[in-house]
Amino acid sequence: MKRWTWLVSFLVLFVAVVFLSPTLAGAEKVDVPSGSKACISCHTKKKVGVAAIGEWRNSTHAKEGVGCYDCHQAKKEDPDAFKHYGKYISVIVSPKDCAGCHEKESTQFQNSHHAKGGEILGSLDNFLGEVVEGMPAAVNGCKQCHGSIVKVTEDGKLDPSTWPNTGIGRINPDGSKGSCTACHSRHLFSAKVARRPESCGKCHLGPDHPQKEIYDESKHGIAFYSNVDRMNLDSESWVVGVDYTAAPTCATCHMSATPDMEATHDPGERISWTLRPVVSKHMENWEAKRANMKKVCINCHNPRYVDAFFTQYDLSIDLYNEKFAKPAKEIMAKLREAGKLSPTPFDEKIEWTFFYLWHHEGRRARHGAAMMGPDYVQWHGFFEVAERFYFELVPEAEELLPGVTKEILDRDEHRWIKGISKEERERIKKFYEERYGQ
């Protein structure tokens, strides 16, 4: 009996060590680089960051002999360096650090609009977060996607009002912009994670930029989720039409390789319109960027289909700009010139109405058109844009300054609001009766 008891105890201990140890469970067996052995040993013993060690063991970094100290090492004069068991390290591994091995990718990223995400810190959106809502809302909300200015306290620690933060446009103590871990989650740093739409959905979702939800409703998203087992997401090479054919992800269209284009860490290289501002604008060198995106599209669609799609897309953007955005902006400018609005943002109701029109509904309509999301173009987009324009913005403007919208509503595209002809009413009635009955 004693022998059996000892054997059972041994087996239980063996299972616990092999299958439950955070550093071994599901992890590859790798050689720990000499400079990182002390890190692994100490963190394992103290049970601090053991899951991170497990993820590192499964990473390409580990297989290539890149360890903790290779990434976290710092110079004494670095602004966020501190002495840790005889070595100077920094908590933040910035794009500048990653450039030691990934120079091309880091340079592309640093030149991208993603890296400029922190510029929101001086914008109207950020005034809403920091002032109207309150600073904790901005710290835990806005800045977790856009990035914070990471500050270092006098004792060399990272200021908790600015850290932790993996915002895509984070401004790091070493002066670099951005966070590679925004997409390549640490410490696995897997391309598979960055290639999945959920990675982009960390920031690109919600009422003002619902790209993730639009993707999910599109034929692209439906194809991906139905065929994810055929997407070859773990492949070192990930060329659409070569390594996978089932569906595109966000990365496919905006960043990943095609048979005749290399992968890029600057998604702006394939974007022709900026849909963020009140009035949509073409990007600099937009024709070349449109051509780049078309090179992606033709891997799944024929050129005539692609050209027709972009014609429909451009017409939707023109409709939004000309019928709603420019007139709404014109109305707000007239109110401001007449002294009907104070210099303080968001202290009048009409400023909130205008903000909803372009920042929420207007963006949804535009992004829906860009990504084949019909429900976001229509019911979450133009329908709500029209309602907000005609039945909120216009009445509120007229109440502040009678007659301010007259010239605009006299334009052909707005005359319907004053009543349609008897002939048009009869045509609509006949159509519905023939289609749906009395």
Protein backbone atom coordinates (compact mmCIF):
# COMPACT_ATOMS: atom_id res chain seq x y z
CA MET A 1 0.00 0.00 0.00
CA LYS A 2 2.82 2.39 0.86
CA ARG A 3 4.43 1.76 -2.54
CA TRP A 4 1.13 2.49 -4.34
CA THR A 5 0.64 5.65 -2.27
CA TRP A 6 4.16 6.79 -3.19
CA LEU A 7 3.56 6.01 -6.88
CA VAL A 8 0.25 7.90 -6.99
CA SER A 9 1.89 10.88 -5.26
CA PHE A 10 4.73 10.83 -7.77
CA LEU A 11 2.32 10.73 -10.73
CA VAL A 12 0.26 13.61 -9.35
CA LEU A 13 3.42 15.66 -8.85
CA PHE A 14 4.64 14.76 -12.35
CA VAL A 15 1.34 15.83 -13.96
CA ALA A 16 1.33 19.07 -11.97
CA VAL A 17 4.87 19.94 -13.02
CA VAL A 18 4.53 18.99 -16.68
CA PHE A 19 0.99 20.10 -17.43
CA LEU A 20 0.31 22.89 -14.97
CA SER A 21 3.65 24.68 -14.79
CA PRO A 22 3.17 28.12 -16.40
CA THR A 23 6.55 27.86 -18.04
CA LEU A 24 5.95 24.41 -19.55
CA ALA A 25 2.23 24.07 -20.27
CA GLY A 26 1.76 24.02 -24.02
CA ALA A 27 5.19 25.59 -24.49
CA GLU A 28 7.96 24.67 -26.89
CA LYS A 29 11.23 23.41 -25.47
CA VAL A 30 13.78 26.10 -26.29
CA ASP A 31 17.29 27.04 -25.23
CA VAL A 32 17.21 30.14 -23.06
CA PRO A 33 19.82 32.70 -24.20
CA SER A 34 22.56 33.16 -21.60
CA GLY A 35 21.69 36.85 -21.07
CA SER A 36 18.11 35.96 -20.16
CA LYS A 37 18.60 32.87 -18.00
CA ALA A 38 18.59 34.89 -14.79
CA CYS A 39 15.36 36.64 -15.88
CA ILE A 40 13.59 33.35 -16.58
CA SER A 41 14.84 31.71 -13.39
CA CYS A 42 13.94 34.59 -11.07
CA HIS A 43 10.52 35.32 -12.57
CA THR A 44 9.64 31.63 -12.51
CA LYS A 45 10.72 31.24 -8.89
CA LYS A 46 8.82 34.35 -7.77
CA LYS A 47 5.82 33.49 -9.98
CA VAL A 48 5.83 36.91 -11.61
CA GLY A 49 5.05 36.98 -15.32
CA VAL A 50 5.19 33.21 -15.68
CA ALA A 51 2.48 33.23 -18.34
CA ALA A 52 4.53 35.76 -20.28
CA ILE A 53 7.48 33.37 -20.10
CA GLY A 54 5.27 30.57 -21.41
CA GLU A 55 4.18 32.71 -24.34
CA TRP A 56 7.78 33.70 -25.05
CA ARG A 57 8.76 30.02 -25.16
CA ASN A 58 6.19 29.54 -27.96
CA SER A 59 7.38 32.59 -29.89
CA THR A 60 9.54 32.90 -32.97
CA HIS A 61 11.78 35.09 -30.85
CA ALA A 62 12.57 32.16 -28.57
CA LYS A 63 13.24 29.84 -31.48
CA GLU A 64 15.62 32.41 -32.96
CA GLY A 65 17.48 32.83 -29.67
CA VAL A 66 16.06 36.26 -28.77
CA GLY A 67 15.39 36.51 -25.03
CA CYS A 68 14.06 38.91 -22.42
CA TYR A 69 17.23 40.94 -22.03
CA ASP A 70 17.74 41.33 -25.78
CA CYS A 71 14.55 43.39 -25.95
CA HIS A 72 14.44 45.01 -22.50
CA GLN A 73 18.09 46.02 -22.15
CA ALA A 74 18.69 49.75 -21.77
CA LYS A 75 21.51 52.25 -21.43
CA LYS A 76 22.01 54.05 -18.14
CA GLU A 77 21.21 57.41 -19.79
CA ASP A 78 17.90 56.24 -21.28
CA PRO A 79 15.04 58.26 -19.73
CA ASP A 80 13.11 55.17 -18.57
CA ALA A 81 16.13 53.00 -17.64
CA PHE A 82 16.44 51.57 -14.14
CA LYS A 83 18.87 49.19 -12.50
CA HIS A 84 17.47 45.69 -12.00
CA TYR A 85 19.71 43.07 -10.38
CA GLY A 86 22.84 44.69 -11.76
CA LYS A 87 21.55 45.38 -15.29
CA TYR A 88 19.91 48.45 -16.76
CA ILE A 89 16.56 47.64 -18.36
CA SER A 90 13.39 49.43 -19.42
CA VAL A 91 9.84 48.17 -19.16
CA ILE A 92 8.78 49.62 -22.50
CA VAL A 93 10.05 47.97 -25.67
CA SER A 94 9.43 50.70 -28.22
CA PRO A 95 9.42 50.62 -32.04
CA LYS A 96 12.90 52.15 -31.82
CA ASP A 97 14.02 49.09 -29.85
CA CYS A 98 12.31 46.70 -32.28
CA ALA A 99 14.12 48.45 -35.14
CA GLY A 100 17.32 46.78 -34.00
CA CYS A 101 16.08 43.66 -35.80
CA HIS A 102 13.02 44.92 -37.69
CA GLU A 103 14.31 48.17 -39.18
CA LYS A 104 12.17 48.13 -42.33
CA GLU A 105 8.94 47.37 -40.47
CA SER A 106 9.68 49.96 -37.79
CA THR A 107 10.42 52.68 -40.36
CA GLN A 108 7.19 51.94 -42.25
CA PHE A 109 5.22 52.02 -39.02
CA GLN A 110 6.83 55.25 -37.79
CA ASN A 111 5.80 56.93 -41.06
CA SER A 112 2.22 55.65 -40.84
CA HIS A 113 -0.97 57.32 -39.69
CA HIS A 114 -1.13 54.69 -36.95
CA ALA A 115 2.00 56.14 -35.35
CA LYS A 116 0.34 59.57 -35.38
CA GLY A 117 -2.61 58.27 -33.33
CA GLY A 118 -1.36 60.16 -30.27
CA GLU A 119 -2.02 63.45 -32.03
CA ILE A 120 -5.63 63.16 -30.88
CA LEU A 121 -4.36 64.44 -27.52
CA GLY A 122 -4.86 68.01 -28.72
CA SER A 123 -8.10 67.47 -30.66
CA LEU A 124 -11.79 68.13 -30.19
CA ASP A 125 -12.36 64.43 -29.47
CA ASN A 126 -9.87 64.56 -26.64
CA PHE A 127 -11.52 67.66 -25.18
CA LEU A 128 -14.63 65.52 -24.82
CA GLY A 129 -12.70 62.78 -23.02
CA GLU A 130 -10.49 64.86 -20.75
CA VAL A 131 -12.72 67.84 -19.96
CA VAL A 132 -16.37 67.09 -20.66
CA GLU A 133 -16.27 63.47 -19.45
CA GLY A 134 -13.23 63.56 -17.13
CA MET A 135 -9.58 62.53 -17.26
CA PRO A 136 -10.00 58.87 -16.13
CA ALA A 137 -12.33 58.36 -19.11
CA ALA A 138 -9.59 59.57 -21.44
CA VAL A 139 -6.84 57.56 -19.70
CA ASN A 140 -8.78 54.27 -19.76
CA GLY A 141 -10.61 54.97 -23.00
CA CYS A 142 -9.22 57.30 -25.69
CA LYS A 143 -5.55 56.84 -24.82
CA GLN A 144 -5.67 53.05 -24.71
CA CYS A 145 -6.23 53.08 -28.48
CA HIS A 146 -4.65 56.35 -29.56
CA GLY A 147 -1.76 56.22 -27.11
CA SER A 148 -0.58 58.33 -24.20
CA ILE A 149 2.51 60.44 -23.67
CA VAL A 150 4.34 58.04 -21.35
CA LYS A 151 5.99 59.98 -18.53
CA VAL A 152 8.74 58.87 -16.18
CA THR A 153 8.57 59.95 -12.53
CA GLU A 154 11.54 61.30 -10.57
CA ASP A 155 12.27 57.87 -9.10
CA GLY A 156 12.56 56.37 -12.59
CA LYS A 157 9.20 54.60 -12.58
CA LEU A 158 6.55 54.93 -15.27
CA ASP A 159 3.84 57.40 -14.29
CA PRO A 160 0.61 55.40 -13.67
CA SER A 161 -1.47 58.19 -15.15
CA THR A 162 0.19 57.39 -18.50
CA TRP A 163 1.05 53.69 -18.15
CA PRO A 164 0.13 50.86 -18.79
CA ASN A 165 -0.70 51.77 -22.36
CA THR A 166 -0.35 50.01 -25.71
CA GLY A 167 -2.03 52.69 -27.82
CA ILE A 168 -1.02 52.56 -31.47
CA GLY A 169 0.28 56.16 -31.36
CA ARG A 170 1.85 56.04 -27.90
CA ILE A 171 4.64 58.58 -27.44
CA ASN A 172 7.47 56.72 -25.75
CA PRO A 173 10.15 58.05 -23.39
CA ASP A 174 12.81 57.47 -26.07
CA GLY A 175 10.95 59.81 -28.45
CA SER A 176 9.62 57.11 -30.76
CA LYS A 177 5.94 56.85 -31.57
CA GLY A 178 3.68 53.86 -31.36
CA SER A 179 3.49 50.41 -29.88
CA CYS A 180 4.23 47.24 -31.84
CA THR A 181 2.33 45.29 -29.18
CA ALA A 182 -0.87 47.09 -30.15
CA CYS A 183 -1.14 44.50 -32.92
CA HIS A 184 1.52 41.89 -32.08
CA SER A 185 0.40 41.05 -28.55
CA ARG A 186 3.30 40.34 -26.21
CA HIS A 187 5.08 38.07 -25.44
CA LEU A 188 4.14 35.72 -28.25
CA PHE A 189 4.37 38.49 -30.88
CA SER A 190 2.46 36.28 -33.27
CA ALA A 191 1.73 37.27 -36.86
CA LYS A 192 -1.36 35.07 -36.53
CA VAL A 193 -2.81 37.41 -33.91
CA ALA A 194 -2.12 40.51 -36.00
CA ARG A 195 -3.68 38.91 -39.08
CA ARG A 196 -7.02 38.24 -37.41
CA PRO A 197 -9.76 40.91 -37.55
CA GLU A 198 -10.19 40.80 -33.77
CA SER A 199 -6.79 42.45 -33.38
CA CYS A 200 -7.94 45.49 -35.37
CA GLY A 201 -11.27 45.37 -33.53
CA LYS A 202 -9.55 46.41 -30.30
CA CYS A 203 -9.81 49.99 -31.59
CA HIS A 204 -11.75 49.95 -34.86
CA LEU A 205 -15.27 49.34 -33.57
CA GLY A 206 -18.08 51.26 -31.91
CA PRO A 207 -20.45 54.07 -32.92
CA ASP A 208 -17.91 56.30 -34.66
CA HIS A 209 -15.59 53.84 -36.42
CA PRO A 210 -17.29 50.42 -36.60
CA GLN A 211 -14.92 48.81 -39.10
CA LYS A 212 -14.88 45.53 -37.18
CA GLU A 213 -18.68 45.27 -37.11
CA ILE A 214 -18.86 46.27 -40.78
CA TYR A 215 -16.30 43.59 -41.67
CA ASP A 216 -18.29 41.01 -39.72
CA GLU A 217 -21.46 41.75 -41.72
CA SER A 218 -19.67 41.90 -45.07
CA LYS A 219 -19.19 38.96 -47.40
CA HIS A 220 -15.49 39.18 -46.55
CA GLY A 221 -16.14 38.61 -42.85
CA ILE A 222 -18.69 35.85 -43.45
CA ALA A 223 -16.18 34.02 -45.65
CA PHE A 224 -13.40 34.38 -43.07
CA TYR A 225 -15.34 33.06 -40.09
CA SER A 226 -16.74 30.20 -42.15
CA ASN A 227 -13.32 29.16 -43.45
CA VAL A 228 -10.91 30.24 -40.73
CA ASP A 229 -9.41 26.73 -40.64
CA ARG A 230 -8.23 27.25 -44.24
CA MET A 231 -6.66 30.68 -43.69
CA ASN A 232 -3.14 29.37 -42.94
CA LEU A 233 -2.75 32.14 -40.35
CA ASP A 234 0.41 30.65 -38.85
CA SER A 235 2.30 30.60 -42.14
CA GLU A 236 5.60 32.49 -42.30
CA SER A 237 4.71 33.50 -45.84
CA TRP A 238 1.17 34.87 -46.07
CA VAL A 239 0.46 35.91 -49.64
CA VAL A 240 -3.16 36.16 -50.73
CA GLY A 241 -3.94 33.79 -53.58
CA VAL A 242 -0.81 31.75 -52.82
CA ASP A 243 -0.84 30.81 -49.13
CA TYR A 244 -4.60 31.22 -48.66
CA THR A 245 -7.66 31.79 -50.85
CA ALA A 246 -10.71 31.55 -48.60
CA ALA A 247 -11.17 35.18 -47.54
CA PRO A 248 -9.44 38.49 -46.86
CA THR A 249 -8.94 39.94 -43.39
CA CYS A 250 -8.27 43.58 -42.48
CA ALA A 251 -4.55 42.81 -42.76
CA THR A 252 -4.98 41.27 -46.22
CA CYS A 253 -6.39 44.44 -47.73
CA HIS A 254 -4.45 47.06 -45.81
CA MET A 255 -1.05 45.55 -44.99
CA SER A 256 -0.27 42.01 -46.09
CA ALA A 257 1.52 40.78 -49.19
CA THR A 258 0.06 40.02 -52.60
CA PRO A 259 1.82 38.23 -55.47
CA ASP A 260 3.04 41.62 -56.79
CA MET A 261 3.21 43.73 -53.60
CA GLU A 262 5.23 43.30 -50.43
CA ALA A 263 3.68 43.50 -46.99
CA THR A 264 3.74 46.94 -45.37
CA HIS A 265 3.41 48.27 -41.84
CA ASP A 266 1.90 51.50 -43.19
CA PRO A 267 -1.79 50.82 -43.95
CA GLY A 268 -2.10 54.30 -45.44
CA GLU A 269 -0.27 53.12 -48.55
CA ARG A 270 -3.56 51.62 -49.78
CA ILE A 271 -6.13 54.19 -48.57
CA SER A 272 -7.38 56.81 -51.04
CA TRP A 273 -9.94 58.70 -48.89
CA THR A 274 -9.65 59.92 -45.33
CA LEU A 275 -13.09 59.38 -43.82
CA ARG A 276 -12.29 60.83 -40.39
CA PRO A 277 -13.01 64.59 -40.82
CA VAL A 278 -16.33 66.39 -41.23
CA VAL A 279 -15.83 66.45 -45.01
CA SER A 280 -14.05 63.45 -46.57
CA LYS A 281 -10.85 64.29 -48.42
CA HIS A 282 -8.61 62.48 -50.83
CA MET A 283 -5.29 61.47 -49.35
CA GLU A 284 -2.03 62.80 -50.76
CA ASN A 285 -1.07 60.72 -53.83
CA TRP A 286 -4.48 59.11 -53.60
CA GLU A 287 -4.43 57.74 -57.15
CA ALA A 288 -1.33 55.65 -56.41
CA LYS A 289 -2.85 54.47 -53.13
CA ARG A 290 -6.08 53.52 -54.90
CA ALA A 291 -4.04 51.56 -57.43
CA ASN A 292 -2.32 49.70 -54.58
CA MET A 293 -5.66 48.69 -53.08
CA LYS A 294 -6.93 47.54 -56.46
CA LYS A 295 -3.90 45.25 -56.71
CA VAL A 296 -5.23 43.51 -53.62
CA CYS A 297 -8.81 43.33 -54.87
CA ILE A 298 -8.01 41.69 -58.21
CA ASN A 299 -6.69 38.61 -56.43
CA CYS A 300 -10.34 37.72 -55.78
CA HIS A 301 -12.32 39.90 -58.22
CA ASN A 302 -12.03 40.77 -61.89
CA PRO A 303 -10.95 44.34 -62.82
CA ARG A 304 -14.41 45.44 -64.03
CA TYR A 305 -15.94 44.38 -60.72
CA VAL A 306 -13.25 46.25 -58.81
CA ASP A 307 -13.67 49.43 -60.86
CA ALA A 308 -17.45 49.30 -60.43
CA PHE A 309 -17.10 48.90 -56.67
CA PHE A 310 -14.89 51.96 -56.38
CA THR A 311 -17.32 53.95 -58.56
CA GLN A 312 -20.14 53.11 -56.12
CA TYR A 313 -17.90 53.90 -53.15
CA ASP A 314 -16.84 57.30 -54.53
CA LEU A 315 -20.45 58.23 -55.33
CA SER A 316 -21.45 57.48 -51.72
CA ILE A 317 -18.66 59.68 -50.38
CA ASP A 318 -19.62 62.48 -52.77
CA LEU A 319 -23.27 62.17 -51.66
CA TYR A 320 -22.32 62.46 -47.99
CA ASN A 321 -19.97 65.39 -48.64
CA GLU A 322 -22.21 67.45 -50.91
CA LYS A 323 -25.69 66.81 -49.53
CA PHE A 324 -25.00 66.73 -45.80
CA ALA A 325 -21.45 67.44 -44.59
CA LYS A 326 -20.67 70.65 -46.46
CA PRO A 327 -24.13 72.20 -45.85
CA ALA A 328 -23.99 71.25 -42.14
CA LYS A 329 -20.52 72.75 -41.85
CA GLU A 330 -21.76 75.87 -43.66
CA ILE A 331 -24.66 76.26 -41.24
CA MET A 332 -22.37 75.96 -38.21
CA ALA A 333 -19.98 78.54 -39.71
CA LYS A 334 -22.84 81.03 -40.23
CA LEU A 335 -24.00 80.58 -36.64
CA ARG A 336 -20.46 81.14 -35.37
CA GLU A 337 -20.00 84.26 -37.53
CA ALA A 338 -23.30 85.63 -36.21
CA GLY A 339 -22.13 85.17 -32.61
CA LYS A 340 -24.73 82.49 -31.87
CA LEU A 341 -22.13 79.99 -30.64
CA SER A 342 -19.71 80.54 -27.78
CA PRO A 343 -15.97 79.80 -28.15
CA THR A 344 -16.33 76.82 -25.79
CA PRO A 345 -16.88 73.50 -27.58
CA PHE A 346 -19.93 71.38 -26.75
CA ASP A 347 -21.71 73.90 -24.52
CA GLU A 348 -24.63 74.28 -26.98
CA LYS A 349 -26.96 71.48 -28.01
CA ILE A 350 -26.46 72.07 -31.72
CA GLU A 351 -22.73 71.38 -31.35
CA TRP A 352 -23.59 67.90 -30.08
CA THR A 353 -26.08 67.45 -32.95
CA PHE A 354 -23.43 68.43 -35.50
CA PHE A 355 -20.86 66.15 -33.86
CA TYR A 356 -23.20 63.15 -34.02
CA LEU A 357 -23.98 63.89 -37.69
CA TRP A 358 -20.41 63.72 -38.95
CA HIS A 359 -18.50 61.91 -36.21
CA HIS A 360 -20.96 59.04 -35.67
CA GLU A 361 -23.60 58.64 -38.36
CA GLY A 362 -21.51 60.18 -41.13
CA ARG A 363 -18.52 58.00 -40.44
CA ARG A 364 -20.68 54.88 -40.27
CA ALA A 365 -22.17 55.60 -43.68
CA ARG A 366 -18.76 56.24 -45.21
CA HIS A 367 -16.99 53.27 -43.64
CA GLY A 368 -19.90 51.02 -44.61
CA ALA A 369 -19.49 52.06 -48.24
CA ALA A 370 -15.74 51.48 -48.06
CA MET A 371 -16.05 47.95 -46.69
CA MET A 372 -19.20 46.51 -48.27
CA GLY A 373 -21.41 46.83 -45.20
CA PRO A 374 -24.86 47.71 -46.61
CA ASP A 375 -26.65 47.97 -43.25
CA TYR A 376 -24.06 50.47 -42.05
CA VAL A 377 -24.41 52.48 -45.25
CA GLN A 378 -28.18 52.64 -44.93
CA TRP A 379 -29.85 52.19 -41.52
CA HIS A 380 -26.85 52.92 -39.30
CA GLY A 381 -25.56 55.52 -41.75
CA PHE A 382 -27.39 57.69 -44.28
CA PHE A 383 -30.81 57.16 -42.69
CA GLU A 384 -29.53 58.54 -39.39
CA VAL A 385 -27.50 61.26 -41.13
CA ALA A 386 -30.67 62.46 -42.89
CA GLU A 387 -32.78 62.35 -39.74
CA ARG A 388 -30.12 64.23 -37.76
CA PHE A 389 -29.71 66.86 -40.51
CA TYR A 390 -33.36 67.58 -41.34
CA PHE A 391 -35.05 67.11 -37.98
CA GLU A 392 -32.40 68.23 -35.50
CA LEU A 393 -29.65 70.37 -37.02
CA VAL A 394 -31.90 72.46 -39.29
CA PRO A 395 -34.61 73.23 -36.64
CA GLU A 396 -31.99 73.99 -33.98
CA ALA A 397 -30.13 76.32 -36.37
CA GLU A 398 -33.36 78.11 -37.33
CA GLU A 399 -34.20 78.63 -33.67
CA LEU A 400 -30.82 80.30 -33.10
CA LEU A 401 -30.80 82.32 -36.34
CA PRO A 402 -34.05 82.38 -38.37
CA GLY A 403 -33.48 82.01 -42.11
CA VAL A 404 -29.97 80.60 -41.79
CA THR A 405 -30.88 77.39 -43.65
CA LYS A 406 -33.17 78.86 -46.33
CA GLU A 407 -30.63 79.06 -49.14
CA ILE A 408 -29.43 75.53 -48.43
CA LEU A 409 -32.92 74.00 -48.32
CA ASP A 410 -33.76 75.72 -51.63
CA ARG A 411 -31.15 73.59 -53.38
CA ASP A 412 -32.49 70.79 -55.58
CA GLU A 413 -31.31 67.94 -53.34
CA HIS A 414 -33.21 69.34 -50.33
CA ARG A 415 -36.43 70.58 -51.93
CA TRP A 416 -38.27 67.35 -51.09
CA ILE A 417 -38.57 68.56 -47.48
CA LYS A 418 -40.98 71.29 -48.64
CA GLY A 419 -43.25 68.71 -50.24
CA ILE A 420 -43.22 66.46 -53.30
CA SER A 421 -45.56 66.78 -56.26
CA LYS A 422 -48.92 65.03 -56.58
CA GLU A 423 -47.53 63.03 -59.51
CA GLU A 424 -44.60 61.79 -57.41
CA ARG A 425 -46.91 60.84 -54.54
CA GLU A 426 -49.11 58.87 -56.95
CA ARG A 427 -46.08 57.11 -58.45
CA ILE A 428 -44.85 56.01 -55.00
CA LYS A 429 -48.35 54.87 -54.00
CA LYS A 430 -48.76 52.84 -57.19
CA PHE A 431 -45.36 51.18 -56.74
CA TYR A 432 -46.16 49.99 -53.21
CA GLU A 433 -49.65 48.81 -54.11
CA GLU A 434 -48.34 46.77 -57.02
CA ARG A 435 -45.54 45.30 -54.96
CA TYR A 436 -47.16 44.75 -51.57
CA GLY A 437 -50.90 45.05 -52.22
CA GLN A 438 -53.46 47.51 -50.84
